[in-house]
Amino acid sequence: MVDDPAIKNEIADAKEDLRDALHQINDRVEEGVGRLRPDRGIRRHPITSACLAGALGFVLGSDSAEVAMIGLVVLGGVIVLSNEHKINPMKPSRSDETERV
């Protein structure tokens, strides 16, 4: 089919570049899908998730406008705290730092 070694090398390089690009895309897709899974966030941050659920229930379950406003303020505070927690994660605990012997 192709007899020129330079062309064969270019084709081989192009195939390898294509494989590398495909692996990078697959890694990014897996990373994005992993971030969309809500169960991971709930397991990693159970207290924040419980506070968010409680504040949302408080807002949606209130009968008066004053209580709903207070609930919205609490909900906003929980969202701000959860975003700050994502930006500045806590240091790992001692059990995470130890190695198995």
PDB file of N, CA and C in Angstrom:
ATOM      1  N   MET A   1       0.835  -1.179   0.000  1.00  0.00           N
ATOM      2  CA  MET A   1       0.000   0.000   0.000  1.00  0.00           C
ATOM      3  C   MET A   1       0.880   1.242   0.000  1.00  0.00           C
ATOM      4  N   VAL A   2       1.597   1.519   1.113  1.00  0.00           N
ATOM      5  CA  VAL A   2       2.496   2.664   1.181  1.00  0.00           C
ATOM      6  C   VAL A   2       3.911   2.117   1.325  1.00  0.00           C
ATOM      7  N   ASP A   3       4.785   2.493   0.399  1.00  0.00           N
ATOM      8  CA  ASP A   3       6.139   1.957   0.420  1.00  0.00           C
ATOM      9  C   ASP A   3       7.154   2.909   1.038  1.00  0.00           C
ATOM     10  N   ASP A   4       6.813   4.166   1.136  1.00  0.00           N
ATOM     11  CA  ASP A   4       7.764   5.164   1.628  1.00  0.00           C
ATOM     12  C   ASP A   4       7.840   5.084   3.159  1.00  0.00           C
ATOM     13  N   PRO A   5       9.038   4.869   3.739  1.00  0.00           N
ATOM     14  CA  PRO A   5       9.162   4.770   5.202  1.00  0.00           C
ATOM     15  C   PRO A   5       8.815   6.072   5.926  1.00  0.00           C
ATOM     16  N   ALA A   6       9.048   7.212   5.298  1.00  0.00           N
ATOM     17  CA  ALA A   6       8.715   8.488   5.944  1.00  0.00           C
ATOM     18  C   ALA A   6       7.208   8.620   6.122  1.00  0.00           C
ATOM     19  N   ILE A   7       6.464   8.197   5.121  1.00  0.00           N
ATOM     20  CA  ILE A   7       4.998   8.265   5.212  1.00  0.00           C
ATOM     21  C   ILE A   7       4.500   7.280   6.265  1.00  0.00           C
ATOM     22  N   LYS A   8       5.111   6.077   6.310  1.00  0.00           N
ATOM     23  CA  LYS A   8       4.716   5.099   7.328  1.00  0.00           C
ATOM     24  C   LYS A   8       4.966   5.641   8.737  1.00  0.00           C
ATOM     25  N   ASN A   9       6.090   6.335   8.925  1.00  0.00           N
ATOM     26  CA  ASN A   9       6.395   6.918  10.231  1.00  0.00           C
ATOM     27  C   ASN A   9       5.393   8.001  10.595  1.00  0.00           C
ATOM     28  N   GLU A  10       5.033   8.829   9.618  1.00  0.00           N
ATOM     29  CA  GLU A  10       4.041   9.879   9.874  1.00  0.00           C
ATOM     30  C   GLU A  10       2.695   9.288  10.243  1.00  0.00           C
ATOM     31  N   ILE A  11       2.309   8.222   9.545  1.00  0.00           N
ATOM     32  CA  ILE A  11       1.032   7.569   9.851  1.00  0.00           C
ATOM     33  C   ILE A  11       1.074   6.958  11.250  1.00  0.00           C
ATOM     34  N   ALA A  12       2.183   6.312  11.601  1.00  0.00           N
ATOM     35  CA  ALA A  12       2.315   5.721  12.930  1.00  0.00           C
ATOM     36  C   ALA A  12       2.287   6.801  14.013  1.00  0.00           C
ATOM     37  N   ASP A  13       2.972   7.922  13.766  1.00  0.00           N
ATOM     38  CA  ASP A  13       2.955   9.027  14.732  1.00  0.00           C
ATOM     39  C   ASP A  13       1.554   9.611  14.876  1.00  0.00           C
ATOM     40  N   ALA A  14       0.858   9.742  13.770  1.00  0.00           N
ATOM     41  CA  ALA A  14      -0.505  10.278  13.815  1.00  0.00           C
ATOM     42  C   ALA A  14      -1.430   9.349  14.589  1.00  0.00           C
ATOM     43  N   LYS A  15      -1.266   8.036  14.394  1.00  0.00           N
ATOM     44  CA  LYS A  15      -2.085   7.066  15.141  1.00  0.00           C
ATOM     45  C   LYS A  15      -1.800   7.162  16.641  1.00  0.00           C
ATOM     46  N   GLU A  16      -0.534   7.289  16.985  1.00  0.00           N
ATOM     47  CA  GLU A  16      -0.176   7.389  18.401  1.00  0.00           C
ATOM     48  C   GLU A  16      -0.714   8.682  19.018  1.00  0.00           C
ATOM     49  N   ASP A  17      -0.615   9.781  18.283  1.00  0.00           N
ATOM     50  CA  ASP A  17      -1.173  11.051  18.767  1.00  0.00           C
ATOM     51  C   ASP A  17      -2.680  10.943  18.950  1.00  0.00           C
ATOM     52  N   LEU A  18      -3.335  10.255  18.018  1.00  0.00           N
ATOM     53  CA  LEU A  18      -4.778  10.074  18.120  1.00  0.00           C
ATOM     54  C   LEU A  18      -5.136   9.238  19.341  1.00  0.00           C
ATOM     55  N   ARG A  19      -4.358   8.178  19.608  1.00  0.00           N
ATOM     56  CA  ARG A  19      -4.602   7.353  20.800  1.00  0.00           C
ATOM     57  C   ARG A  19      -4.404   8.164  22.080  1.00  0.00           C
ATOM     58  N   ASP A  20      -3.344   8.966  22.126  1.00  0.00           N
ATOM     59  CA  ASP A  20      -3.094   9.804  23.298  1.00  0.00           C
ATOM     60  C   ASP A  20      -4.226  10.792  23.527  1.00  0.00           C
ATOM     61  N   ALA A  21      -4.696  11.408  22.450  1.00  0.00           N
ATOM     62  CA  ALA A  21      -5.805  12.359  22.571  1.00  0.00           C
ATOM     63  C   ALA A  21      -7.069  11.654  23.053  1.00  0.00           C
ATOM     64  N   LEU A  22      -7.309  10.449  22.559  1.00  0.00           N
ATOM     65  CA  LEU A  22      -8.483   9.693  22.982  1.00  0.00           C
ATOM     66  C   LEU A  22      -8.395   9.322  24.458  1.00  0.00           C
ATOM     67  N   HIS A  23      -7.209   8.942  24.929  1.00  0.00           N
ATOM     68  CA  HIS A  23      -7.032   8.625  26.349  1.00  0.00           C
ATOM     69  C   HIS A  23      -7.262   9.866  27.214  1.00  0.00           C
ATOM     70  N   GLN A  24      -6.790  11.018  26.780  1.00  0.00           N
ATOM     71  CA  GLN A  24      -7.009  12.251  27.535  1.00  0.00           C
ATOM     72  C   GLN A  24      -8.493  12.592  27.597  1.00  0.00           C
ATOM     73  N   ILE A  25      -9.185  12.427  26.500  1.00  0.00           N
ATOM     74  CA  ILE A  25     -10.628  12.709  26.473  1.00  0.00           C
ATOM     75  C   ILE A  25     -11.361  11.745  27.385  1.00  0.00           C
ATOM     76  N   ASN A  26     -11.010  10.467  27.335  1.00  0.00           N
ATOM     77  CA  ASN A  26     -11.651   9.487  28.208  1.00  0.00           C
ATOM     78  C   ASN A  26     -11.406   9.806  29.680  1.00  0.00           C
ATOM     79  N   ASP A  27     -10.198  10.214  30.022  1.00  0.00           N
ATOM     80  CA  ASP A  27      -9.892  10.586  31.406  1.00  0.00           C
ATOM     81  C   ASP A  27     -10.730  11.775  31.856  1.00  0.00           C
ATOM     82  N   ARG A  28     -10.857  12.764  30.984  1.00  0.00           N
ATOM     83  CA  ARG A  28     -11.662  13.940  31.334  1.00  0.00           C
ATOM     84  C   ARG A  28     -13.130  13.590  31.486  1.00  0.00           C
ATOM     85  N   VAL A  29     -13.638  12.726  30.632  1.00  0.00           N
ATOM     86  CA  VAL A  29     -15.042  12.314  30.733  1.00  0.00           C
ATOM     87  C   VAL A  29     -15.270  11.557  32.031  1.00  0.00           C
ATOM     88  N   GLU A  30     -14.378  10.631  32.369  1.00  0.00           N
ATOM     89  CA  GLU A  30     -14.514   9.890  33.620  1.00  0.00           C
ATOM     90  C   GLU A  30     -14.463  10.824  34.819  1.00  0.00           C
ATOM     91  N   GLU A  31     -13.587  11.815  34.762  1.00  0.00           N
ATOM     92  CA  GLU A  31     -13.476  12.793  35.845  1.00  0.00           C
ATOM     93  C   GLU A  31     -14.765  13.593  35.973  1.00  0.00           C
ATOM     94  N   GLY A  32     -15.326  14.013  34.840  1.00  0.00           N
ATOM     95  CA  GLY A  32     -16.577  14.779  34.857  1.00  0.00           C
ATOM     96  C   GLY A  32     -17.737  13.960  35.363  1.00  0.00           C
ATOM     97  N   VAL A  33     -17.818  12.709  34.961  1.00  0.00           N
ATOM     98  CA  VAL A  33     -18.899  11.837  35.427  1.00  0.00           C
ATOM     99  C   VAL A  33     -18.747  11.588  36.922  1.00  0.00           C
ATOM    100  N   GLY A  34     -17.517  11.444  37.372  1.00  0.00           N
ATOM    101  CA  GLY A  34     -17.271  11.232  38.801  1.00  0.00           C
ATOM    102  C   GLY A  34     -17.715  12.413  39.642  1.00  0.00           C
ATOM    103  N   ARG A  35     -17.562  13.628  39.102  1.00  0.00           N
ATOM    104  CA  ARG A  35     -17.990  14.824  39.845  1.00  0.00           C
ATOM    105  C   ARG A  35     -19.500  14.950  39.885  1.00  0.00           C
ATOM    106  N   LEU A  36     -20.197  14.369  38.917  1.00  0.00           N
ATOM    107  CA  LEU A  36     -21.653  14.496  38.856  1.00  0.00           C
ATOM    108  C   LEU A  36     -22.369  13.515  39.784  1.00  0.00           C
ATOM    109  N   ARG A  37     -21.659  12.565  40.338  1.00  0.00           N
ATOM    110  CA  ARG A  37     -22.296  11.585  41.208  1.00  0.00           C
ATOM    111  C   ARG A  37     -22.560  12.202  42.581  1.00  0.00           C
ATOM    112  N   PRO A  38     -23.825  12.397  42.933  1.00  0.00           N
ATOM    113  CA  PRO A  38     -24.126  13.051  44.218  1.00  0.00           C
ATOM    114  C   PRO A  38     -23.796  12.187  45.422  1.00  0.00           C
ATOM    115  N   ASP A  39     -23.783  10.877  45.283  1.00  0.00           N
ATOM    116  CA  ASP A  39     -23.511  10.034  46.444  1.00  0.00           C
ATOM    117  C   ASP A  39     -22.092  10.225  46.966  1.00  0.00           C
ATOM    118  N   ARG A  40     -21.149  10.551  46.103  1.00  0.00           N
ATOM    119  CA  ARG A  40     -19.789  10.805  46.572  1.00  0.00           C
ATOM    120  C   ARG A  40     -19.721  12.059  47.427  1.00  0.00           C
ATOM    121  N   GLY A  41     -20.416  13.102  47.002  1.00  0.00           N
ATOM    122  CA  GLY A  41     -20.435  14.337  47.779  1.00  0.00           C
ATOM    123  C   GLY A  41     -21.089  14.143  49.130  1.00  0.00           C
ATOM    124  N   ILE A  42     -22.150  13.360  49.162  1.00  0.00           N
ATOM    125  CA  ILE A  42     -22.845  13.098  50.421  1.00  0.00           C
ATOM    126  C   ILE A  42     -21.957  12.276  51.348  1.00  0.00           C
ATOM    127  N   ARG A  43     -21.247  11.308  50.809  1.00  0.00           N
ATOM    128  CA  ARG A  43     -20.375  10.481  51.646  1.00  0.00           C
ATOM    129  C   ARG A  43     -19.158  11.255  52.136  1.00  0.00           C
ATOM    130  N   ARG A  44     -18.647  12.159  51.315  1.00  0.00           N
ATOM    131  CA  ARG A  44     -17.467  12.929  51.717  1.00  0.00           C
ATOM    132  C   ARG A  44     -17.817  14.044  52.690  1.00  0.00           C
ATOM    133  N   HIS A  45     -18.997  14.621  52.564  1.00  0.00           N
ATOM    134  CA  HIS A  45     -19.402  15.759  53.388  1.00  0.00           C
ATOM    135  C   HIS A  45     -20.793  15.508  53.982  1.00  0.00           C
ATOM    136  N   PRO A  46     -20.910  14.559  54.914  1.00  0.00           N
ATOM    137  CA  PRO A  46     -22.243  14.220  55.423  1.00  0.00           C
ATOM    138  C   PRO A  46     -22.873  15.337  56.254  1.00  0.00           C
ATOM    139  N   ILE A  47     -22.087  16.070  57.018  1.00  0.00           N
ATOM    140  CA  ILE A  47     -22.654  17.131  57.853  1.00  0.00           C
ATOM    141  C   ILE A  47     -23.175  18.275  56.986  1.00  0.00           C
ATOM    142  N   THR A  48     -22.388  18.672  55.992  1.00  0.00           N
ATOM    143  CA  THR A  48     -22.821  19.739  55.088  1.00  0.00           C
ATOM    144  C   THR A  48     -24.065  19.311  54.328  1.00  0.00           C
ATOM    145  N   SER A  49     -24.110  18.076  53.883  1.00  0.00           N
ATOM    146  CA  SER A  49     -25.276  17.580  53.152  1.00  0.00           C
ATOM    147  C   SER A  49     -26.517  17.561  54.036  1.00  0.00           C
ATOM    148  N   ALA A  50     -26.347  17.152  55.288  1.00  0.00           N
ATOM    149  CA  ALA A  50     -27.482  17.126  56.211  1.00  0.00           C
ATOM    150  C   ALA A  50     -27.982  18.542  56.498  1.00  0.00           C
ATOM    151  N   CYS A  51     -27.051  19.490  56.661  1.00  0.00           N
ATOM    152  CA  CYS A  51     -27.448  20.877  56.895  1.00  0.00           C
ATOM    153  C   CYS A  51     -28.173  21.448  55.686  1.00  0.00           C
ATOM    154  N   LEU A  52     -27.685  21.152  54.513  1.00  0.00           N
ATOM    155  CA  LEU A  52     -28.324  21.623  53.291  1.00  0.00           C
ATOM    156  C   LEU A  52     -29.724  21.036  53.141  1.00  0.00           C
ATOM    157  N   ALA A  53     -29.861  19.755  53.410  1.00  0.00           N
ATOM    158  CA  ALA A  53     -31.174  19.117  53.322  1.00  0.00           C
ATOM    159  C   ALA A  53     -32.128  19.687  54.373  1.00  0.00           C
ATOM    160  N   GLY A  54     -31.627  19.910  55.588  1.00  0.00           N
ATOM    161  CA  GLY A  54     -32.476  20.484  56.631  1.00  0.00           C
ATOM    162  C   GLY A  54     -32.913  21.900  56.309  1.00  0.00           C
ATOM    163  N   ALA A  55     -31.999  22.716  55.815  1.00  0.00           N
ATOM    164  CA  ALA A  55     -32.350  24.093  55.463  1.00  0.00           C
ATOM    165  C   ALA A  55     -33.342  24.121  54.307  1.00  0.00           C
ATOM    166  N   LEU A  56     -33.150  23.252  53.327  1.00  0.00           N
ATOM    167  CA  LEU A  56     -34.082  23.196  52.206  1.00  0.00           C
ATOM    168  C   LEU A  56     -35.459  22.735  52.666  1.00  0.00           C
ATOM    169  N   GLY A  57     -35.502  21.759  53.538  1.00  0.00           N
ATOM    170  CA  GLY A  57     -36.787  21.315  54.094  1.00  0.00           C
ATOM    171  C   GLY A  57     -37.450  22.392  54.924  1.00  0.00           C
ATOM    172  N   PHE A  58     -36.653  23.148  55.664  1.00  0.00           N
ATOM    173  CA  PHE A  58     -37.179  24.252  56.469  1.00  0.00           C
ATOM    174  C   PHE A  58     -37.815  25.311  55.580  1.00  0.00           C
ATOM    175  N   VAL A  59     -37.130  25.639  54.474  1.00  0.00           N
ATOM    176  CA  VAL A  59     -37.655  26.664  53.560  1.00  0.00           C
ATOM    177  C   VAL A  59     -38.919  26.180  52.876  1.00  0.00           C
ATOM    178  N   LEU A  60     -38.902  24.966  52.368  1.00  0.00           N
ATOM    179  CA  LEU A  60     -40.049  24.462  51.617  1.00  0.00           C
ATOM    180  C   LEU A  60     -41.235  24.109  52.516  1.00  0.00           C
ATOM    181  N   GLY A  61     -40.975  23.798  53.770  1.00  0.00           N
ATOM    182  CA  GLY A  61     -42.051  23.395  54.662  1.00  0.00           C
ATOM    183  C   GLY A  61     -42.648  24.521  55.489  1.00  0.00           C
ATOM    184  N   SER A  62     -42.143  25.729  55.366  1.00  0.00           N
ATOM    185  CA  SER A  62     -42.638  26.828  56.193  1.00  0.00           C
ATOM    186  C   SER A  62     -43.933  27.402  55.617  1.00  0.00           C
ATOM    187  N   ASP A  63     -44.799  27.858  56.553  1.00  0.00           N
ATOM    188  CA  ASP A  63     -46.087  28.432  56.142  1.00  0.00           C
ATOM    189  C   ASP A  63     -46.027  29.943  56.019  1.00  0.00           C
ATOM    190  N   SER A  64     -45.237  30.606  56.841  1.00  0.00           N
ATOM    191  CA  SER A  64     -45.216  32.067  56.816  1.00  0.00           C
ATOM    192  C   SER A  64     -44.021  32.576  56.010  1.00  0.00           C
ATOM    193  N   ALA A  65     -44.143  33.783  55.530  1.00  0.00           N
ATOM    194  CA  ALA A  65     -43.097  34.384  54.704  1.00  0.00           C
ATOM    195  C   ALA A  65     -41.853  34.703  55.535  1.00  0.00           C
ATOM    196  N   GLU A  66     -42.045  35.091  56.807  1.00  0.00           N
ATOM    197  CA  GLU A  66     -40.909  35.430  57.650  1.00  0.00           C
ATOM    198  C   GLU A  66     -40.033  34.207  57.896  1.00  0.00           C
ATOM    199  N   VAL A  67     -40.661  33.093  58.183  1.00  0.00           N
ATOM    200  CA  VAL A  67     -39.916  31.866  58.436  1.00  0.00           C
ATOM    201  C   VAL A  67     -39.220  31.406  57.154  1.00  0.00           C
ATOM    202  N   ALA A  68     -39.878  31.590  56.011  1.00  0.00           N
ATOM    203  CA  ALA A  68     -39.267  31.211  54.733  1.00  0.00           C
ATOM    204  C   ALA A  68     -38.038  32.063  54.451  1.00  0.00           C
ATOM    205  N   MET A  69     -38.094  33.345  54.798  1.00  0.00           N
ATOM    206  CA  MET A  69     -36.930  34.221  54.592  1.00  0.00           C
ATOM    207  C   MET A  69     -35.765  33.782  55.476  1.00  0.00           C
ATOM    208  N   ILE A  70     -36.067  33.449  56.715  1.00  0.00           N
ATOM    209  CA  ILE A  70     -35.015  32.964  57.613  1.00  0.00           C
ATOM    210  C   ILE A  70     -34.413  31.676  57.056  1.00  0.00           C
ATOM    211  N   GLY A  71     -35.275  30.812  56.556  1.00  0.00           N
ATOM    212  CA  GLY A  71     -34.797  29.566  55.957  1.00  0.00           C
ATOM    213  C   GLY A  71     -33.922  29.811  54.738  1.00  0.00           C
ATOM    214  N   LEU A  72     -34.298  30.788  53.920  1.00  0.00           N
ATOM    215  CA  LEU A  72     -33.477  31.113  52.751  1.00  0.00           C
ATOM    216  C   LEU A  72     -32.114  31.647  53.157  1.00  0.00           C
ATOM    217  N   VAL A  73     -32.073  32.443  54.223  1.00  0.00           N
ATOM    218  CA  VAL A  73     -30.784  32.941  54.718  1.00  0.00           C
ATOM    219  C   VAL A  73     -29.927  31.775  55.212  1.00  0.00           C
ATOM    220  N   VAL A  74     -30.537  30.862  55.946  1.00  0.00           N
ATOM    221  CA  VAL A  74     -29.811  29.689  56.430  1.00  0.00           C
ATOM    222  C   VAL A  74     -29.329  28.840  55.254  1.00  0.00           C
ATOM    223  N   LEU A  75     -30.194  28.660  54.262  1.00  0.00           N
ATOM    224  CA  LEU A  75     -29.825  27.892  53.081  1.00  0.00           C
ATOM    225  C   LEU A  75     -28.651  28.553  52.344  1.00  0.00           C
ATOM    226  N   GLY A  76     -28.689  29.864  52.210  1.00  0.00           N
ATOM    227  CA  GLY A  76     -27.588  30.584  51.583  1.00  0.00           C
ATOM    228  C   GLY A  76     -26.298  30.428  52.365  1.00  0.00           C
ATOM    229  N   GLY A  77     -26.394  30.481  53.688  1.00  0.00           N
ATOM    230  CA  GLY A  77     -25.209  30.290  54.521  1.00  0.00           C
ATOM    231  C   GLY A  77     -24.615  28.904  54.370  1.00  0.00           C
ATOM    232  N   VAL A  78     -25.464  27.908  54.293  1.00  0.00           N
ATOM    233  CA  VAL A  78     -24.978  26.538  54.119  1.00  0.00           C
ATOM    234  C   VAL A  78     -24.297  26.386  52.764  1.00  0.00           C
ATOM    235  N   ILE A  79     -24.868  26.985  51.732  1.00  0.00           N
ATOM    236  CA  ILE A  79     -24.264  26.911  50.396  1.00  0.00           C
ATOM    237  C   ILE A  79     -22.906  27.602  50.394  1.00  0.00           C
ATOM    238  N   VAL A  80     -22.813  28.764  51.027  1.00  0.00           N
ATOM    239  CA  VAL A  80     -21.531  29.469  51.102  1.00  0.00           C
ATOM    240  C   VAL A  80     -20.506  28.631  51.857  1.00  0.00           C
ATOM    241  N   LEU A  81     -20.911  28.037  52.967  1.00  0.00           N
ATOM    242  CA  LEU A  81     -19.991  27.197  53.734  1.00  0.00           C
ATOM    243  C   LEU A  81     -19.551  25.973  52.949  1.00  0.00           C
ATOM    244  N   SER A  82     -20.470  25.389  52.186  1.00  0.00           N
ATOM    245  CA  SER A  82     -20.086  24.213  51.403  1.00  0.00           C
ATOM    246  C   SER A  82     -19.118  24.592  50.288  1.00  0.00           C
ATOM    247  N   ASN A  83     -19.294  25.767  49.691  1.00  0.00           N
ATOM    248  CA  ASN A  83     -18.356  26.218  48.655  1.00  0.00           C
ATOM    249  C   ASN A  83     -16.992  26.529  49.254  1.00  0.00           C
ATOM    250  N   GLU A  84     -16.959  27.127  50.435  1.00  0.00           N
ATOM    251  CA  GLU A  84     -15.683  27.393  51.095  1.00  0.00           C
ATOM    252  C   GLU A  84     -14.994  26.091  51.459  1.00  0.00           C
ATOM    253  N   HIS A  85     -15.772  25.091  51.814  1.00  0.00           N
ATOM    254  CA  HIS A  85     -15.195  23.797  52.166  1.00  0.00           C
ATOM    255  C   HIS A  85     -14.552  23.149  50.936  1.00  0.00           C
ATOM    256  N   LYS A  86     -15.137  23.355  49.775  1.00  0.00           N
ATOM    257  CA  LYS A  86     -14.554  22.817  48.543  1.00  0.00           C
ATOM    258  C   LYS A  86     -13.270  23.545  48.190  1.00  0.00           C
ATOM    259  N   ILE A  87     -13.221  24.845  48.440  1.00  0.00           N
ATOM    260  CA  ILE A  87     -12.036  25.629  48.102  1.00  0.00           C
ATOM    261  C   ILE A  87     -10.902  25.331  49.076  1.00  0.00           C
ATOM    262  N   ASN A  88     -11.205  25.281  50.363  1.00  0.00           N
ATOM    263  CA  ASN A  88     -10.190  25.048  51.400  1.00  0.00           C
ATOM    264  C   ASN A  88     -10.500  23.749  52.134  1.00  0.00           C
ATOM    265  N   PRO A  89     -10.209  22.599  51.535  1.00  0.00           N
ATOM    266  CA  PRO A  89     -10.508  21.343  52.228  1.00  0.00           C
ATOM    267  C   PRO A  89      -9.640  21.191  53.469  1.00  0.00           C
ATOM    268  N   MET A  90     -10.192  20.510  54.448  1.00  0.00           N
ATOM    269  CA  MET A  90      -9.466  20.304  55.700  1.00  0.00           C
ATOM    270  C   MET A  90      -8.290  19.377  55.464  1.00  0.00           C
ATOM    271  N   LYS A  91      -7.305  19.480  56.334  1.00  0.00           N
ATOM    272  CA  LYS A  91      -6.140  18.602  56.236  1.00  0.00           C
ATOM    273  C   LYS A  91      -6.574  17.167  56.523  1.00  0.00           C
ATOM    274  N   PRO A  92      -5.887  16.187  55.921  1.00  0.00           N
ATOM    275  CA  PRO A  92      -6.250  14.797  56.185  1.00  0.00           C
ATOM    276  C   PRO A  92      -6.017  14.436  57.649  1.00  0.00           C
ATOM    277  N   SER A  93      -6.829  13.528  58.126  1.00  0.00           N
ATOM    278  CA  SER A  93      -6.689  13.120  59.513  1.00  0.00           C
ATOM    279  C   SER A  93      -5.457  12.235  59.675  1.00  0.00           C
ATOM    280  N   ARG A  94      -5.116  11.953  60.929  1.00  0.00           N
ATOM    281  CA  ARG A  94      -3.926  11.152  61.194  1.00  0.00           C
ATOM    282  C   ARG A  94      -4.046   9.756  60.589  1.00  0.00           C
ATOM    283  N   SER A  95      -5.264   9.201  60.562  1.00  0.00           N
ATOM    284  CA  SER A  95      -5.422   7.856  60.024  1.00  0.00           C
ATOM    285  C   SER A  95      -5.126   7.823  58.526  1.00  0.00           C
ATOM    286  N   ASP A  96      -5.313   8.936  57.815  1.00  0.00           N
ATOM    287  CA  ASP A  96      -5.000   9.003  56.386  1.00  0.00           C
ATOM    288  C   ASP A  96      -3.497   9.103  56.145  1.00  0.00           C
ATOM    289  N   GLU A  97      -2.776   9.632  57.123  1.00  0.00           N
ATOM    290  CA  GLU A  97      -1.356   9.856  56.938  1.00  0.00           C
ATOM    291  C   GLU A  97      -0.518   8.629  57.259  1.00  0.00           C
ATOM    292  N   THR A  98      -1.069   7.690  58.027  1.00  0.00           N
ATOM    293  CA  THR A  98      -0.285   6.531  58.410  1.00  0.00           C
ATOM    294  C   THR A  98      -0.209   5.546  57.248  1.00  0.00           C
ATOM    295  N   GLU A  99       0.890   4.816  57.226  1.00  0.00           N
ATOM    296  CA  GLU A  99       1.087   3.820  56.177  1.00  0.00           C
ATOM    297  C   GLU A  99       1.015   2.437  56.793  1.00  0.00           C
ATOM    298  N   ARG A 100       0.628   1.491  55.973  1.00  0.00           N
ATOM    299  CA  ARG A 100       0.631   0.108  56.424  1.00  0.00           C
ATOM    300  C   ARG A 100       2.036  -0.428  56.379  1.00  0.00           C
ATOM    301  N   VAL A 101       2.355  -1.236  57.356  1.00  0.00           N
ATOM    302  CA  VAL A 101       3.712  -1.811  57.419  1.00  0.00           C
ATOM    303  C   VAL A 101       3.693  -3.200  56.865  1.00  0.00           C
TER     304      VAL A 101
END
